[in-house]
Amino acid sequence: MRNQIYAKLQPEKIDMLTKLIEAYDHIGIVSTIDQSRGLVVIRSTEDCLPELEEILHHLPFSIELFFEQPEE
């Protein structure tokens, strides 16, 4: 059962990502793993994950998605 997505984006876009995800009530919670590298995890529910993925694919900035935590 998958309930989170790891992502890498420009560090200066982390705050924007957080605000965009928060704007969709209850779709996910963004936590920063490594700010200097732009690594975050977005936790969601199994039911909301398809909608969350769709949102992430249409952001106004580049983001790389992973389904397992990327290695250091």
PDB file of N, CA and C in Angstrom:
ATOM      1  N   MET A   1       0.845  -1.174   0.000  1.00  0.00           N
ATOM      2  CA  MET A   1       0.000   0.000   0.000  1.00  0.00           C
ATOM      3  C   MET A   1       0.893   1.241   0.000  1.00  0.00           C
ATOM      4  N   ARG A   2       0.730   2.059  -1.013  1.00  0.00           N
ATOM      5  CA  ARG A   2       1.558   3.250  -1.165  1.00  0.00           C
ATOM      6  C   ARG A   2       0.760   4.469  -0.707  1.00  0.00           C
ATOM      7  N   ASN A   3       1.371   5.306   0.113  1.00  0.00           N
ATOM      8  CA  ASN A   3       0.667   6.490   0.586  1.00  0.00           C
ATOM      9  C   ASN A   3       1.554   7.736   0.620  1.00  0.00           C
ATOM     10  N   GLN A   4       2.665   7.691  -0.099  1.00  0.00           N
ATOM     11  CA  GLN A   4       3.533   8.869  -0.140  1.00  0.00           C
ATOM     12  C   GLN A   4       4.311   8.910  -1.442  1.00  0.00           C
ATOM     13  N   ILE A   5       4.698  10.112  -1.806  1.00  0.00           N
ATOM     14  CA  ILE A   5       5.489  10.343  -3.009  1.00  0.00           C
ATOM     15  C   ILE A   5       6.688  11.192  -2.609  1.00  0.00           C
ATOM     16  N   TYR A   6       7.865  10.777  -3.023  1.00  0.00           N
ATOM     17  CA  TYR A   6       9.060  11.573  -2.836  1.00  0.00           C
ATOM     18  C   TYR A   6       9.248  12.425  -4.080  1.00  0.00           C
ATOM     19  N   ALA A   7       9.799  13.601  -3.897  1.00  0.00           N
ATOM     20  CA  ALA A   7       9.980  14.495  -5.038  1.00  0.00           C
ATOM     21  C   ALA A   7      11.245  15.310  -4.883  1.00  0.00           C
ATOM     22  N   LYS A   8      11.800  15.707  -6.031  1.00  0.00           N
ATOM     23  CA  LYS A   8      12.961  16.585  -6.060  1.00  0.00           C
ATOM     24  C   LYS A   8      12.589  17.770  -6.948  1.00  0.00           C
ATOM     25  N   LEU A   9      12.823  18.964  -6.428  1.00  0.00           N
ATOM     26  CA  LEU A   9      12.523  20.183  -7.151  1.00  0.00           C
ATOM     27  C   LEU A   9      13.520  21.254  -6.746  1.00  0.00           C
ATOM     28  N   GLN A  10      13.448  22.395  -7.398  1.00  0.00           N
ATOM     29  CA  GLN A  10      14.354  23.487  -7.034  1.00  0.00           C
ATOM     30  C   GLN A  10      14.050  23.879  -5.590  1.00  0.00           C
ATOM     31  N   PRO A  11      15.082  24.023  -4.750  1.00  0.00           N
ATOM     32  CA  PRO A  11      14.855  24.341  -3.344  1.00  0.00           C
ATOM     33  C   PRO A  11      13.967  25.572  -3.126  1.00  0.00           C
ATOM     34  N   GLU A  12      14.095  26.560  -3.984  1.00  0.00           N
ATOM     35  CA  GLU A  12      13.289  27.771  -3.804  1.00  0.00           C
ATOM     36  C   GLU A  12      11.816  27.554  -4.139  1.00  0.00           C
ATOM     37  N   LYS A  13      11.458  26.394  -4.700  1.00  0.00           N
ATOM     38  CA  LYS A  13      10.058  26.085  -5.041  1.00  0.00           C
ATOM     39  C   LYS A  13       9.352  25.261  -3.964  1.00  0.00           C
ATOM     40  N   ILE A  14      10.076  24.846  -2.926  1.00  0.00           N
ATOM     41  CA  ILE A  14       9.471  24.012  -1.879  1.00  0.00           C
ATOM     42  C   ILE A  14       8.311  24.733  -1.208  1.00  0.00           C
ATOM     43  N   ASP A  15       8.468  26.000  -0.885  1.00  0.00           N
ATOM     44  CA  ASP A  15       7.401  26.751  -0.228  1.00  0.00           C
ATOM     45  C   ASP A  15       6.172  26.840  -1.130  1.00  0.00           C
ATOM     46  N   MET A  16       6.367  27.074  -2.417  1.00  0.00           N
ATOM     47  CA  MET A  16       5.250  27.146  -3.359  1.00  0.00           C
ATOM     48  C   MET A  16       4.538  25.798  -3.450  1.00  0.00           C
ATOM     49  N   LEU A  17       5.304  24.705  -3.512  1.00  0.00           N
ATOM     50  CA  LEU A  17       4.707  23.377  -3.547  1.00  0.00           C
ATOM     51  C   LEU A  17       3.843  23.154  -2.307  1.00  0.00           C
ATOM     52  N   THR A  18       4.381  23.499  -1.148  1.00  0.00           N
ATOM     53  CA  THR A  18       3.639  23.331   0.108  1.00  0.00           C
ATOM     54  C   THR A  18       2.327  24.103   0.069  1.00  0.00           C
ATOM     55  N   LYS A  19       2.369  25.338  -0.387  1.00  0.00           N
ATOM     56  CA  LYS A  19       1.155  26.159  -0.439  1.00  0.00           C
ATOM     57  C   LYS A  19       0.144  25.606  -1.434  1.00  0.00           C
ATOM     58  N   LEU A  20       0.612  25.123  -2.576  1.00  0.00           N
ATOM     59  CA  LEU A  20      -0.297  24.557  -3.569  1.00  0.00           C
ATOM     60  C   LEU A  20      -0.973  23.285  -3.051  1.00  0.00           C
ATOM     61  N   ILE A  21      -0.207  22.418  -2.416  1.00  0.00           N
ATOM     62  CA  ILE A  21      -0.785  21.181  -1.880  1.00  0.00           C
ATOM     63  C   ILE A  21      -1.750  21.496  -0.744  1.00  0.00           C
ATOM     64  N   GLU A  22      -1.414  22.466   0.106  1.00  0.00           N
ATOM     65  CA  GLU A  22      -2.316  22.858   1.186  1.00  0.00           C
ATOM     66  C   GLU A  22      -3.617  23.451   0.645  1.00  0.00           C
ATOM     67  N   ALA A  23      -3.566  24.051  -0.531  1.00  0.00           N
ATOM     68  CA  ALA A  23      -4.767  24.646  -1.125  1.00  0.00           C
ATOM     69  C   ALA A  23      -5.798  23.579  -1.499  1.00  0.00           C
ATOM     70  N   TYR A  24      -5.330  22.352  -1.748  1.00  0.00           N
ATOM     71  CA  TYR A  24      -6.243  21.234  -1.999  1.00  0.00           C
ATOM     72  C   TYR A  24      -6.494  20.572  -0.653  1.00  0.00           C
ATOM     73  N   ASP A  25      -7.593  20.904  -0.017  1.00  0.00           N
ATOM     74  CA  ASP A  25      -7.878  20.396   1.329  1.00  0.00           C
ATOM     75  C   ASP A  25      -7.744  18.880   1.413  1.00  0.00           C
ATOM     76  N   HIS A  26      -6.944  18.439   2.342  1.00  0.00           N
ATOM     77  CA  HIS A  26      -6.805  17.031   2.719  1.00  0.00           C
ATOM     78  C   HIS A  26      -6.212  16.126   1.641  1.00  0.00           C
ATOM     79  N   ILE A  27      -5.526  16.692   0.635  1.00  0.00           N
ATOM     80  CA  ILE A  27      -4.939  15.828  -0.393  1.00  0.00           C
ATOM     81  C   ILE A  27      -3.543  15.338  -0.002  1.00  0.00           C
ATOM     82  N   GLY A  28      -2.830  16.113   0.814  1.00  0.00           N
ATOM     83  CA  GLY A  28      -1.499  15.683   1.204  1.00  0.00           C
ATOM     84  C   GLY A  28      -0.811  16.674   2.124  1.00  0.00           C
ATOM     85  N   ILE A  29       0.291  16.214   2.688  1.00  0.00           N
ATOM     86  CA  ILE A  29       1.115  17.030   3.575  1.00  0.00           C
ATOM     87  C   ILE A  29       2.550  16.949   3.068  1.00  0.00           C
ATOM     88  N   VAL A  30       3.165  18.103   2.848  1.00  0.00           N
ATOM     89  CA  VAL A  30       4.541  18.173   2.346  1.00  0.00           C
ATOM     90  C   VAL A  30       5.502  18.304   3.530  1.00  0.00           C
ATOM     91  N   SER A  31       6.522  17.459   3.542  1.00  0.00           N
ATOM     92  CA  SER A  31       7.596  17.542   4.537  1.00  0.00           C
ATOM     93  C   SER A  31       8.928  17.597   3.802  1.00  0.00           C
ATOM     94  N   THR A  32       9.793  18.500   4.221  1.00  0.00           N
ATOM     95  CA  THR A  32      11.101  18.643   3.593  1.00  0.00           C
ATOM     96  C   THR A  32      12.060  17.608   4.181  1.00  0.00           C
ATOM     97  N   ILE A  33      12.742  16.899   3.300  1.00  0.00           N
ATOM     98  CA  ILE A  33      13.758  15.930   3.720  1.00  0.00           C
ATOM     99  C   ILE A  33      15.130  16.591   3.718  1.00  0.00           C
ATOM    100  N   ASP A  34      15.468  17.275   2.628  1.00  0.00           N
ATOM    101  CA  ASP A  34      16.755  17.956   2.485  1.00  0.00           C
ATOM    102  C   ASP A  34      16.531  19.224   1.668  1.00  0.00           C
ATOM    103  N   GLN A  35      16.444  20.343   2.353  1.00  0.00           N
ATOM    104  CA  GLN A  35      16.134  21.606   1.690  1.00  0.00           C
ATOM    105  C   GLN A  35      17.192  22.001   0.668  1.00  0.00           C
ATOM    106  N   SER A  36      18.455  21.792   0.981  1.00  0.00           N
ATOM    107  CA  SER A  36      19.516  22.216   0.067  1.00  0.00           C
ATOM    108  C   SER A  36      19.479  21.451  -1.255  1.00  0.00           C
ATOM    109  N   ARG A  37      18.972  20.214  -1.233  1.00  0.00           N
ATOM    110  CA  ARG A  37      18.869  19.398  -2.449  1.00  0.00           C
ATOM    111  C   ARG A  37      17.469  19.428  -3.059  1.00  0.00           C
ATOM    112  N   GLY A  38      16.519  20.052  -2.372  1.00  0.00           N
ATOM    113  CA  GLY A  38      15.159  20.140  -2.879  1.00  0.00           C
ATOM    114  C   GLY A  38      14.391  18.837  -2.772  1.00  0.00           C
ATOM    115  N   LEU A  39      14.699  18.023  -1.768  1.00  0.00           N
ATOM    116  CA  LEU A  39      14.015  16.749  -1.573  1.00  0.00           C
ATOM    117  C   LEU A  39      12.887  16.884  -0.563  1.00  0.00           C
ATOM    118  N   VAL A  40      11.700  16.405  -0.957  1.00  0.00           N
ATOM    119  CA  VAL A  40      10.538  16.439  -0.080  1.00  0.00           C
ATOM    120  C   VAL A  40       9.814  15.101  -0.146  1.00  0.00           C
ATOM    121  N   VAL A  41       8.937  14.874   0.811  1.00  0.00           N
ATOM    122  CA  VAL A  41       8.010  13.751   0.764  1.00  0.00           C
ATOM    123  C   VAL A  41       6.616  14.344   0.919  1.00  0.00           C
ATOM    124  N   ILE A  42       5.690  13.834   0.124  1.00  0.00           N
ATOM    125  CA  ILE A  42       4.304  14.282   0.218  1.00  0.00           C
ATOM    126  C   ILE A  42       3.502  13.069   0.667  1.00  0.00           C
ATOM    127  N   ARG A  43       2.958  13.164   1.876  1.00  0.00           N
ATOM    128  CA  ARG A  43       2.179  12.060   2.436  1.00  0.00           C
ATOM    129  C   ARG A  43       0.702  12.289   2.114  1.00  0.00           C
ATOM    130  N   SER A  44       0.031  11.230   1.750  1.00  0.00           N
ATOM    131  CA  SER A  44      -1.368  11.308   1.375  1.00  0.00           C
ATOM    132  C   SER A  44      -2.060  10.028   1.832  1.00  0.00           C
ATOM    133  N   THR A  45      -3.230   9.770   1.295  1.00  0.00           N
ATOM    134  CA  THR A  45      -3.893   8.487   1.528  1.00  0.00           C
ATOM    135  C   THR A  45      -3.890   7.718   0.219  1.00  0.00           C
ATOM    136  N   GLU A  46      -4.083   6.437   0.310  1.00  0.00           N
ATOM    137  CA  GLU A  46      -4.096   5.604  -0.888  1.00  0.00           C
ATOM    138  C   GLU A  46      -5.195   6.067  -1.850  1.00  0.00           C
ATOM    139  N   ASP A  47      -6.321   6.488  -1.316  1.00  0.00           N
ATOM    140  CA  ASP A  47      -7.441   6.951  -2.149  1.00  0.00           C
ATOM    141  C   ASP A  47      -7.134   8.256  -2.870  1.00  0.00           C
ATOM    142  N   CYS A  48      -6.394   9.146  -2.238  1.00  0.00           N
ATOM    143  CA  CYS A  48      -6.108  10.469  -2.818  1.00  0.00           C
ATOM    144  C   CYS A  48      -4.870  10.478  -3.705  1.00  0.00           C
ATOM    145  N   LEU A  49      -4.064   9.435  -3.656  1.00  0.00           N
ATOM    146  CA  LEU A  49      -2.796   9.420  -4.382  1.00  0.00           C
ATOM    147  C   LEU A  49      -2.933   9.647  -5.886  1.00  0.00           C
ATOM    148  N   PRO A  50      -3.905   9.043  -6.579  1.00  0.00           N
ATOM    149  CA  PRO A  50      -4.020   9.315  -8.018  1.00  0.00           C
ATOM    150  C   PRO A  50      -4.290  10.796  -8.326  1.00  0.00           C
ATOM    151  N   GLU A  51      -5.137  11.420  -7.550  1.00  0.00           N
ATOM    152  CA  GLU A  51      -5.418  12.848  -7.749  1.00  0.00           C
ATOM    153  C   GLU A  51      -4.180  13.688  -7.437  1.00  0.00           C
ATOM    154  N   LEU A  52      -3.458  13.334  -6.385  1.00  0.00           N
ATOM    155  CA  LEU A  52      -2.232  14.040  -6.036  1.00  0.00           C
ATOM    156  C   LEU A  52      -1.211  13.936  -7.163  1.00  0.00           C
ATOM    157  N   GLU A  53      -1.037  12.755  -7.723  1.00  0.00           N
ATOM    158  CA  GLU A  53      -0.097  12.580  -8.838  1.00  0.00           C
ATOM    159  C   GLU A  53      -0.492  13.451 -10.029  1.00  0.00           C
ATOM    160  N   GLU A  54      -1.771  13.509 -10.326  1.00  0.00           N
ATOM    161  CA  GLU A  54      -2.251  14.333 -11.431  1.00  0.00           C
ATOM    162  C   GLU A  54      -1.912  15.805 -11.191  1.00  0.00           C
ATOM    163  N   ILE A  55      -2.112  16.273  -9.984  1.00  0.00           N
ATOM    164  CA  ILE A  55      -1.787  17.656  -9.631  1.00  0.00           C
ATOM    165  C   ILE A  55      -0.288  17.906  -9.810  1.00  0.00           C
ATOM    166  N   LEU A  56       0.532  16.986  -9.321  1.00  0.00           N
ATOM    167  CA  LEU A  56       1.985  17.152  -9.392  1.00  0.00           C
ATOM    168  C   LEU A  56       2.498  17.190 -10.832  1.00  0.00           C
ATOM    169  N   HIS A  57       1.831  16.487 -11.723  1.00  0.00           N
ATOM    170  CA  HIS A  57       2.245  16.475 -13.129  1.00  0.00           C
ATOM    171  C   HIS A  57       1.888  17.773 -13.856  1.00  0.00           C
ATOM    172  N   HIS A  58       1.075  18.620 -13.238  1.00  0.00           N
ATOM    173  CA  HIS A  58       0.640  19.851 -13.893  1.00  0.00           C
ATOM    174  C   HIS A  58       1.057  21.113 -13.138  1.00  0.00           C
ATOM    175  N   LEU A  59       2.100  21.016 -12.347  1.00  0.00           N
ATOM    176  CA  LEU A  59       2.594  22.189 -11.614  1.00  0.00           C
ATOM    177  C   LEU A  59       3.276  23.160 -12.577  1.00  0.00           C
ATOM    178  N   PRO A  60       3.315  24.438 -12.208  1.00  0.00           N
ATOM    179  CA  PRO A  60       3.944  25.436 -13.076  1.00  0.00           C
ATOM    180  C   PRO A  60       5.472  25.476 -12.962  1.00  0.00           C
ATOM    181  N   PHE A  61       6.066  24.429 -12.387  1.00  0.00           N
ATOM    182  CA  PHE A  61       7.520  24.328 -12.281  1.00  0.00           C
ATOM    183  C   PHE A  61       7.905  22.857 -12.363  1.00  0.00           C
ATOM    184  N   SER A  62       9.162  22.613 -12.619  1.00  0.00           N
ATOM    185  CA  SER A  62       9.673  21.255 -12.802  1.00  0.00           C
ATOM    186  C   SER A  62       9.770  20.520 -11.464  1.00  0.00           C
ATOM    187  N   ILE A  63       9.327  19.262 -11.473  1.00  0.00           N
ATOM    188  CA  ILE A  63       9.412  18.427 -10.279  1.00  0.00           C
ATOM    189  C   ILE A  63       9.639  16.988 -10.732  1.00  0.00           C
ATOM    190  N   GLU A  64      10.527  16.285 -10.040  1.00  0.00           N
ATOM    191  CA  GLU A  64      10.826  14.884 -10.352  1.00  0.00           C
ATOM    192  C   GLU A  64      10.224  14.020  -9.252  1.00  0.00           C
ATOM    193  N   LEU A  65       9.424  13.019  -9.619  1.00  0.00           N
ATOM    194  CA  LEU A  65       8.726  12.184  -8.649  1.00  0.00           C
ATOM    195  C   LEU A  65       9.398  10.834  -8.490  1.00  0.00           C
ATOM    196  N   PHE A  66       9.382  10.317  -7.250  1.00  0.00           N
ATOM    197  CA  PHE A  66       9.932   9.009  -6.921  1.00  0.00           C
ATOM    198  C   PHE A  66       8.920   8.298  -6.031  1.00  0.00           C
ATOM    199  N   PHE A  67       8.881   7.004  -6.100  1.00  0.00           N
ATOM    200  CA  PHE A  67       7.972   6.252  -5.237  1.00  0.00           C
ATOM    201  C   PHE A  67       8.703   5.572  -4.084  1.00  0.00           C
ATOM    202  N   GLU A  68      10.025   5.738  -4.078  1.00  0.00           N
ATOM    203  CA  GLU A  68      10.863   5.339  -2.945  1.00  0.00           C
ATOM    204  C   GLU A  68      11.828   6.472  -2.685  1.00  0.00           C
ATOM    205  N   GLN A  69      12.283   6.589  -1.450  1.00  0.00           N
ATOM    206  CA  GLN A  69      13.188   7.679  -1.111  1.00  0.00           C
ATOM    207  C   GLN A  69      14.475   7.564  -1.929  1.00  0.00           C
ATOM    208  N   PRO A  70      14.833   8.652  -2.646  1.00  0.00           N
ATOM    209  CA  PRO A  70      16.084   8.623  -3.423  1.00  0.00           C
ATOM    210  C   PRO A  70      17.286   8.497  -2.496  1.00  0.00           C
ATOM    211  N   GLU A  71      18.304   7.816  -3.003  1.00  0.00           N
ATOM    212  CA  GLU A  71      19.512   7.635  -2.196  1.00  0.00           C
ATOM    213  C   GLU A  71      20.263   8.941  -2.073  1.00  0.00           C
ATOM    214  N   GLU A  72      20.988   9.055  -0.983  1.00  0.00           N
ATOM    215  CA  GLU A  72      21.752  10.279  -0.671  1.00  0.00           C
ATOM    216  C   GLU A  72      22.809  10.543  -1.709  1.00  0.00           C
TER     217      GLU A  72
END
